[in-house]
Structures are given as structure tokens and as C-alpha cells.
């Protein structure tokens, strides 16, 4: 072959490779991700809740790196250099969306131009989302607080994994069905023990407004000191109005959160005490982050079991100290 023809062929090959690299992600073949036998899908998840469901649905076919561990606030989290490397090398990135990981949004938008990026919280139908009356265009992102809504995210994860690795679609579907059975059992347990809380005591006061879906699902009035995002600071007027409410309605307990400073909650306790009303800390809830890794509370099922059981017991209801499955370990450590 002449030098000219060799150069021409090489040029055509380079142009072809360039055109393939410019194709939208959805048009590129997905199945070669697992072309090497035994290779697991390399996935990154932003929050612990999303990472946990990925592991449950994916099983042995996935390897998941979670960016945010116990006690980490996703509203304020910024990606590190290591996070960027992990996300750019992953086969797919899964996040909650709905403005939860607000500091990561611009990076994830750019990444989505070249790799699969799936916002699982946005699988919840619009009509099932809650929003602030003052900001109707900003949905409440804390959809994992209600099992009936979180199941949409679980199913979205199943569908995404099946597209990435269609040869394992049956396994993903079977694991999802088993997981959803556990979800439904937890939901039934929650309804049973939370109904034992006296009607007048079904008021949940927390550090920020992360429990709206929980309250909507189980019939609790929810009052967060801060709004949906911990980026918003609670003003003195908000603190004073909540102190008044605690005193007037004789609310006996309020709750701190593992991923939010307890400063404002303790200010409420002190304010109510100055007005002659004693209110106690009912315990520590998991809101935007789960419990320690390798613990029951470090799973989505465990974190919700913990919250349900603690709230029921702190507000005058009846629930076993070990929770639905007798696996809770942290309730006796609560303040």
C-alpha cells in the first residue's frame, strides 16, 4: 500500500473515532461495559441512601462508591478531587436530584454530556412531590422519607442497571422485588407503631424541614427550624415563633439530626425553659445521611426503622426498642 493510501486510511479511521466520541451517550452501546467476564459495573452514588439501594439491587454485579458517609450534609457537600476522578471513571453516576446535592449540580450536568448520570429522586411523579408554598418550583428533595415514594427511586435504579447490563436484568428484577417486599413490610410497621402516638402529640419538630414526606405519609405535623435546605439560616423570629408554639401546645419532645448542627434545637429547649416549659431532646434522627457503615442503621431500611421507632417511643407511642426486626442498636444511646 502506498504511503498516500496509508495516510488516507489512517485519516478516515481517526475521523470515525472522533464521530463516535461525539455521539450522545444514549446512542453508544451499553452492553460492552461488562464485556470482560466477571467485571462488575463501576458505579458512584452521591448519598448513602442511593448507594445502599444500588448495592441491594445490583448485588454481585456492581461495585458502588458512595461519596457522602454518615453525618455528611448533602446540601452543603462539595466534590473533592478524588470524587471527580471516581465520577469521571465510573460506568454511571447516581444521585438524588431535586436540588438536594446543589453544590454538585453544575459538575454533574457537564458529566451527563459524556456519561450516564441518573437522578433517581426525579423518578417520583411530579404530583407526588411536595413543595414549599413560597417556592412552588423547588420540590422537597427528601423523598426517601416515605417508602411509597422511595419505591419509584428503587424501580428507577433497577431500570437503569438493566440498561447498563441487560444480561443481568432478570437478576436485578428479582432483587428489586425482594427489596420492595421489605420496603412494604417496613411501611406497614411504621403505620402500626406511629398510630399508637396520641393524636395531640403527632408534632415532629426537627433541625430542618427534612421530614415533610414522612409527615405526609404518617399523619404528623412537621416543623423544621430551617427550610428544605440547610443552606438557609434560621432567623431569630423563626426561633421565637417555635418557642411560642412549644409552650402553647405543650410539646414534650423535639429531635436533633445526625447531619445538622444541634445548635438551633438546643436554642429552642433553652427558650422554652425560660418560658417555664420543659421540653426534652427526644433523640437523634437520621435525615440526610444514614448511620455508621456496616450497621443496620447504615442501610435505608435501618435508618427509617430507627426514625420510626424513636419517634413513636419519644412521643408517647409504643414500639419495640429493637425496631421492626429487633436489629436496632442505637436507641438506648439516645440523649
Protein backbone atom coordinates (compact mmCIF):
# COMPACT_ATOMS: atom_id res chain seq x y z
CA UNK A 1 0.00 0.00 0.00
CA UNK A 2 1.33 3.45 -0.91
CA UNK A 3 2.20 5.99 1.72
CA UNK A 4 -0.65 8.20 0.45
CA UNK A 5 -3.23 5.43 0.84
CA UNK A 6 -1.94 4.58 4.29
CA UNK A 7 -2.30 8.22 5.38
CA UNK A 8 -5.77 8.39 3.85
CA UNK A 9 -6.92 5.24 5.66
CA UNK A 10 -5.50 6.48 8.92
CA UNK A 11 -7.29 9.79 8.48
CA UNK A 12 -10.62 8.05 7.85
CA UNK A 13 -10.12 5.90 10.97
CA UNK A 14 -9.35 8.92 13.15
CA UNK A 15 -12.38 10.81 11.84
CA UNK A 16 -14.60 7.78 12.51
CA UNK A 17 -13.34 7.50 16.08
CA UNK A 18 -13.93 11.21 16.60
CA UNK A 19 -17.51 10.97 15.35
CA UNK A 20 -18.23 8.04 17.68
CA UNK A 21 -16.83 10.03 20.62
CA UNK A 22 -19.23 12.85 19.81
CA UNK A 23 -22.34 10.67 19.74
CA UNK A 24 -24.87 11.18 22.58
CA UNK A 25 -24.38 8.72 25.42
CA UNK A 26 -27.78 7.12 24.76
CA UNK A 27 -26.65 6.10 21.26
CA UNK A 28 -23.45 4.38 22.38
CA UNK A 29 -23.59 0.64 23.10
CA UNK A 30 -24.02 -0.13 26.83
CA UNK A 31 -23.53 -3.92 26.90
CA UNK A 32 -19.73 -3.81 26.34
CA UNK A 33 -19.46 -2.38 29.87
CA UNK A 34 -19.45 -5.99 31.06
CA UNK A 35 -17.66 -7.45 28.05
CA UNK A 36 -14.96 -8.87 30.32
CA UNK A 37 -16.45 -11.84 32.15
CA UNK A 38 -16.89 -11.23 35.87
CA UNK A 39 -16.36 -7.48 35.63
CA UNK A 40 -18.67 -5.53 37.88
CA UNK A 41 -20.35 -2.28 36.95
CA UNK A 42 -18.33 0.54 38.50
CA UNK A 43 -20.87 2.94 39.99
CA UNK A 44 -20.74 6.11 42.04
CA UNK A 45 -23.61 7.33 44.24
CA UNK A 46 -23.81 10.69 45.96
CA UNK A 47 -25.80 9.94 49.11
CA UNK A 48 -25.74 6.90 51.35
CA UNK A 49 -29.39 6.16 50.66
CA UNK A 50 -28.83 5.93 46.90
CA UNK A 51 -25.64 3.90 47.36
CA UNK A 52 -27.44 1.42 49.61
CA UNK A 53 -30.23 0.75 47.11
CA UNK A 54 -27.68 0.35 44.29
CA UNK A 55 -25.92 -2.36 46.30
CA UNK A 56 -29.20 -4.08 47.19
CA UNK A 57 -30.50 -4.12 43.61
CA UNK A 58 -27.15 -4.69 41.90
CA UNK A 59 -25.82 -7.42 44.18
CA UNK A 60 -22.62 -9.08 43.00
CA UNK A 61 -22.85 -7.38 39.60
CA UNK A 62 -21.99 -3.90 40.88
CA UNK A 63 -19.26 -2.15 42.83
CA UNK A 64 -20.51 1.05 44.41
CA UNK A 65 -18.58 4.01 45.76
CA UNK A 66 -20.66 6.34 47.94
CA UNK A 67 -19.41 9.91 48.18
CA UNK A 68 -21.21 11.00 51.35
CA UNK A 69 -20.84 8.98 54.51
CA UNK A 70 -22.53 9.16 57.95
CA UNK A 71 -23.11 12.68 59.26
CA UNK A 72 -22.47 14.38 55.91
CA UNK A 73 -24.89 17.10 54.81
CA UNK A 74 -25.63 16.72 51.06
CA UNK A 75 -26.98 20.28 50.82
CA UNK A 76 -23.51 21.65 51.56
CA UNK A 77 -21.29 18.92 50.14
CA UNK A 78 -18.69 19.89 47.52
CA UNK A 79 -16.87 17.34 45.40
CA UNK A 80 -13.23 16.59 46.16
CA UNK A 81 -10.53 15.80 43.63
CA UNK A 82 -10.96 12.13 44.44
CA UNK A 83 -14.72 12.39 43.86
CA UNK A 84 -14.17 13.94 40.45
CA UNK A 85 -11.79 11.18 39.45
CA UNK A 86 -14.21 8.49 40.65
CA UNK A 87 -17.20 10.01 38.86
CA UNK A 88 -15.41 10.53 35.56
CA UNK A 89 -14.12 6.94 35.56
CA UNK A 90 -17.42 5.33 36.63
CA UNK A 91 -19.74 3.47 34.27
CA UNK A 92 -22.58 5.59 35.70
CA UNK A 93 -23.25 8.11 38.47
CA UNK A 94 -26.46 8.02 40.52
CA UNK A 95 -27.70 10.96 42.57
CA UNK A 96 -30.91 12.02 44.29
CA UNK A 97 -31.55 15.24 42.37
CA UNK A 98 -34.46 17.59 43.14
CA UNK A 99 -31.90 20.21 44.26
CA UNK A 100 -30.56 18.07 47.11
CA UNK A 101 -26.89 17.99 46.03
CA UNK A 102 -27.00 21.62 44.95
CA UNK A 103 -23.21 22.12 45.09
CA UNK A 104 -22.64 19.22 42.68
CA UNK A 105 -25.24 20.14 40.09
CA UNK A 106 -23.07 22.06 37.64
CA UNK A 107 -20.41 19.33 37.62
CA UNK A 108 -22.99 16.56 37.15
CA UNK A 109 -24.64 18.50 34.32
CA UNK A 110 -21.31 18.63 32.49
CA UNK A 111 -20.60 14.98 33.23
CA UNK A 112 -24.01 13.97 31.84
CA UNK A 113 -22.88 15.16 28.41
CA UNK A 114 -20.49 12.19 28.19
CA UNK A 115 -21.56 9.58 30.79
CA UNK A 116 -24.81 8.20 32.23
CA UNK A 117 -25.94 10.35 35.19
CA UNK A 118 -29.23 9.27 36.80
CA UNK A 119 -31.25 11.40 39.25
CA UNK A 120 -33.30 8.72 40.99
CA UNK A 121 -35.36 11.10 43.14
CA UNK A 122 -36.78 12.64 39.99
CA UNK A 123 -38.47 9.33 39.21
CA UNK A 124 -41.07 10.31 41.83
CA UNK A 125 -44.06 11.67 39.84
CA UNK A 126 -44.48 15.42 39.96
CA UNK A 127 -47.92 15.12 41.51
CA UNK A 128 -46.43 13.12 44.40
CA UNK A 129 -43.75 15.69 45.21
CA UNK A 130 -44.09 18.25 47.99
CA UNK A 131 -43.01 21.87 47.64
CA UNK A 132 -42.65 24.97 49.77
CA UNK A 133 -45.69 27.22 49.40
CA UNK A 134 -43.40 30.22 48.95
CA UNK A 135 -41.26 28.45 46.31
CA UNK A 136 -43.55 26.07 44.39
CA UNK A 137 -40.90 25.43 41.72
CA UNK A 138 -38.49 23.94 44.26
CA UNK A 139 -39.62 20.45 45.29
CA UNK A 140 -38.78 18.91 48.63
CA UNK A 141 -35.91 16.53 47.78
CA UNK A 142 -36.24 14.25 50.84
CA UNK A 143 -38.32 11.60 49.05
CA UNK A 144 -36.60 8.69 50.83
CA UNK A 145 -38.55 9.56 54.00
CA UNK A 146 -41.71 7.92 52.58
CA UNK A 147 -41.46 4.29 51.42
CA UNK A 148 -44.37 4.67 48.98
CA UNK A 149 -42.46 7.42 47.17
CA UNK A 150 -38.99 5.90 47.55
CA UNK A 151 -40.12 2.81 45.66
CA UNK A 152 -40.10 4.94 42.48
CA UNK A 153 -36.39 5.58 43.04
CA UNK A 154 -35.77 1.86 43.64
CA UNK A 155 -37.51 0.98 40.38
CA UNK A 156 -35.58 3.69 38.54
CA UNK A 157 -32.32 2.15 39.77
CA UNK A 158 -33.46 -1.30 38.60
CA UNK A 159 -34.29 0.05 35.15
CA UNK A 160 -31.01 1.96 34.81
CA UNK A 161 -28.92 -1.06 35.83
CA UNK A 162 -30.84 -3.22 33.38
CA UNK A 163 -29.97 -0.81 30.58
CA UNK A 164 -26.31 -0.76 31.59
CA UNK A 165 -26.08 -4.55 31.89
CA UNK A 166 -29.06 -6.15 30.11
CA UNK A 167 -27.58 -9.63 30.56
CA UNK A 168 -28.27 -9.29 34.31
CA UNK A 169 -31.73 -7.70 34.00
CA UNK A 170 -33.50 -10.76 35.44
CA UNK A 171 -31.25 -10.76 38.50
CA UNK A 172 -31.82 -7.04 39.03
CA UNK A 173 -35.59 -7.53 38.75
CA UNK A 174 -35.60 -10.41 41.26
CA UNK A 175 -33.52 -8.49 43.78
CA UNK A 176 -35.75 -5.44 43.36
CA UNK A 177 -38.90 -7.49 44.00
CA UNK A 178 -37.39 -8.88 47.21
CA UNK A 179 -36.29 -5.43 48.33
CA UNK A 180 -39.70 -3.90 47.67
CA UNK A 181 -41.26 -6.59 49.85
CA UNK A 182 -39.04 -5.43 52.71
CA UNK A 183 -39.98 -1.83 51.94
CA UNK A 184 -43.68 -2.66 52.17
CA UNK A 185 -43.17 -4.56 55.44
CA UNK A 186 -41.35 -1.56 56.94
CA UNK A 187 -44.13 0.77 55.78
CA UNK A 188 -46.73 -1.46 57.47
CA UNK A 189 -44.68 -1.49 60.70
CA UNK A 190 -44.36 2.30 60.60
CA UNK A 191 -48.10 2.78 60.25
CA UNK A 192 -48.78 0.42 63.14
CA UNK A 193 -46.40 1.95 65.69
CA UNK A 194 -46.93 5.59 64.68
CA UNK A 195 -50.70 5.22 65.02
CA UNK A 196 -50.06 4.45 68.69
CA UNK A 197 -48.82 8.03 69.23
CA UNK A 198 -51.61 10.15 70.78
CA UNK A 199 -53.15 12.45 68.17
CA UNK A 200 -52.24 15.62 70.08
CA UNK A 201 -48.59 14.52 70.22
CA UNK A 202 -48.14 13.94 66.49
CA UNK A 203 -45.96 17.01 66.06
CA UNK A 204 -42.42 16.48 64.82
CA UNK A 205 -40.02 19.38 65.49
CA UNK A 206 -36.59 18.92 63.88
CA UNK A 207 -33.48 20.86 62.89
CA UNK A 208 -34.51 21.33 59.26
CA UNK A 209 -37.50 20.52 57.12
CA UNK A 210 -36.44 17.03 56.02
CA UNK A 211 -39.47 15.10 57.29
CA UNK A 212 -42.26 16.53 55.15
CA UNK A 213 -42.82 13.29 53.23
CA UNK A 214 -42.67 11.36 56.49
CA UNK A 215 -45.35 13.59 57.99
CA UNK A 216 -47.48 13.40 54.85
CA UNK A 217 -47.28 9.60 54.83
CA UNK A 218 -47.97 9.00 58.52
CA UNK A 219 -50.15 11.91 59.62
CA UNK A 220 -47.65 14.06 61.55
CA UNK A 221 -47.36 17.82 61.60
CA UNK A 222 -43.74 18.61 60.81
CA UNK A 223 -41.96 21.79 61.89
CA UNK A 224 -38.39 22.33 60.77
CA UNK A 225 -36.31 25.15 62.21
CA UNK A 226 -34.61 25.58 58.84
CA UNK A 227 -36.19 25.01 55.43
CA UNK A 228 -35.70 22.15 52.95
CA UNK A 229 -32.02 23.08 52.63
CA UNK A 230 -29.60 23.60 55.49
CA UNK A 231 -28.10 26.43 53.42
CA UNK A 232 -30.85 28.68 54.75
CA UNK A 233 -30.18 30.10 58.19
CA UNK A 234 -32.90 30.13 60.83
CA UNK A 235 -33.69 33.67 61.90
CA UNK A 236 -34.37 34.85 65.43
CA UNK A 237 -38.04 35.37 64.55
CA UNK A 238 -38.35 31.72 63.49
CA UNK A 239 -36.77 30.54 66.74
CA UNK A 240 -39.07 32.76 68.82
CA UNK A 241 -42.21 31.62 66.98
CA UNK A 242 -41.31 27.98 67.51
CA UNK A 243 -40.63 28.56 71.20
CA UNK A 244 -44.10 30.09 71.49
CA UNK A 245 -45.59 27.08 69.75
CA UNK A 246 -43.75 24.63 72.03
CA UNK A 247 -45.09 26.40 75.09
CA UNK A 248 -48.66 26.94 73.87
CA UNK A 249 -49.12 23.37 72.66
CA UNK A 250 -47.10 21.81 75.48
CA UNK A 251 -44.93 19.85 73.08
CA UNK A 252 -42.82 17.49 75.17
CA UNK A 253 -40.02 16.47 72.80
CA UNK A 254 -38.10 17.62 69.75
CA UNK A 255 -35.35 16.00 67.72
CA UNK A 256 -31.81 16.64 66.55
CA UNK A 257 -30.38 15.23 63.31
CA UNK A 258 -27.11 13.41 62.69
CA UNK A 259 -26.16 15.57 59.69
CA UNK A 260 -27.19 19.00 61.03
CA UNK A 261 -25.83 21.07 63.90
CA UNK A 262 -27.92 20.79 67.06
CA UNK A 263 -27.36 24.48 67.92
CA UNK A 264 -30.83 25.67 66.89
CA UNK A 265 -32.63 22.75 68.51
CA UNK A 266 -30.91 23.42 71.83
CA UNK A 267 -31.82 27.11 71.48
CA UNK A 268 -35.47 26.01 71.37
CA UNK A 269 -35.04 23.93 74.51
CA UNK A 270 -33.46 26.87 76.36
CA UNK A 271 -36.09 29.30 75.07
CA UNK A 272 -38.95 27.09 76.22
CA UNK A 273 -37.27 26.57 79.60
CA UNK A 274 -37.01 30.36 80.04
CA UNK A 275 -40.78 30.48 79.49
CA UNK A 276 -41.39 27.83 82.14
CA UNK A 277 -41.96 24.90 79.79
CA UNK A 278 -39.71 21.85 79.91
CA UNK A 279 -39.11 20.19 76.54
CA UNK A 280 -36.59 17.41 76.12
CA UNK A 281 -34.46 16.16 73.26
CA UNK A 282 -36.33 13.08 72.06
CA UNK A 283 -33.26 11.66 70.34
CA UNK A 284 -31.19 11.84 67.19
CA UNK A 285 -32.79 11.14 63.82
CA UNK A 286 -31.22 10.19 60.51
CA UNK A 287 -32.31 12.73 57.93
CA UNK A 288 -29.90 13.43 55.05
CA UNK A 289 -27.38 10.73 55.98
CA UNK A 290 -27.58 7.20 57.31
CA UNK A 291 -25.93 5.54 60.28
CA UNK A 292 -22.42 4.04 60.53
CA UNK A 293 -21.20 1.82 57.71
CA UNK A 294 -21.66 -1.92 58.28
CA UNK A 295 -24.50 -1.31 60.75
CA UNK A 296 -28.23 -1.90 60.34
CA UNK A 297 -28.80 1.84 60.73
CA UNK A 298 -26.31 2.29 57.90
CA UNK A 299 -28.93 0.97 55.46
CA UNK A 300 -32.02 2.75 54.19
CA UNK A 301 -34.29 0.15 55.81
CA UNK A 302 -32.40 0.53 59.09
CA UNK A 303 -32.33 4.32 59.13
CA UNK A 304 -36.09 4.54 58.59
CA UNK A 305 -36.76 1.78 61.14
CA UNK A 306 -34.66 3.78 63.62
CA UNK A 307 -36.54 7.02 62.91
CA UNK A 308 -39.98 5.43 63.10
CA UNK A 309 -39.23 3.56 66.31
CA UNK A 310 -37.55 6.51 68.03
CA UNK A 311 -40.31 8.98 67.09
CA UNK A 312 -43.05 6.62 68.26
CA UNK A 313 -41.39 5.96 71.62
CA UNK A 314 -40.37 9.60 72.24
CA UNK A 315 -43.84 10.98 71.53
CA UNK A 316 -45.82 8.59 73.71
CA UNK A 317 -46.44 5.69 71.36
CA UNK A 318 -45.48 2.05 71.65
CA UNK A 319 -42.69 0.41 69.67
CA UNK A 320 -40.13 -2.29 70.46
CA UNK A 321 -36.73 -0.88 71.38
CA UNK A 322 -35.13 -3.11 68.75
CA UNK A 323 -37.42 -1.90 65.98
CA UNK A 324 -39.22 -3.99 63.38
CA UNK A 325 -36.62 -6.75 63.23
CA UNK A 326 -35.04 -6.33 66.67
CA UNK A 327 -31.83 -5.12 65.00
CA UNK A 328 -31.64 -1.50 66.19
CA UNK A 329 -28.65 -0.81 68.41
CA UNK A 330 -28.66 2.95 68.97
CA UNK A 331 -31.97 3.76 70.69
CA UNK A 332 -30.65 3.09 74.18
CA UNK A 333 -27.78 5.54 73.48
CA UNK A 334 -30.15 8.42 72.71
CA UNK A 335 -29.93 11.54 74.90
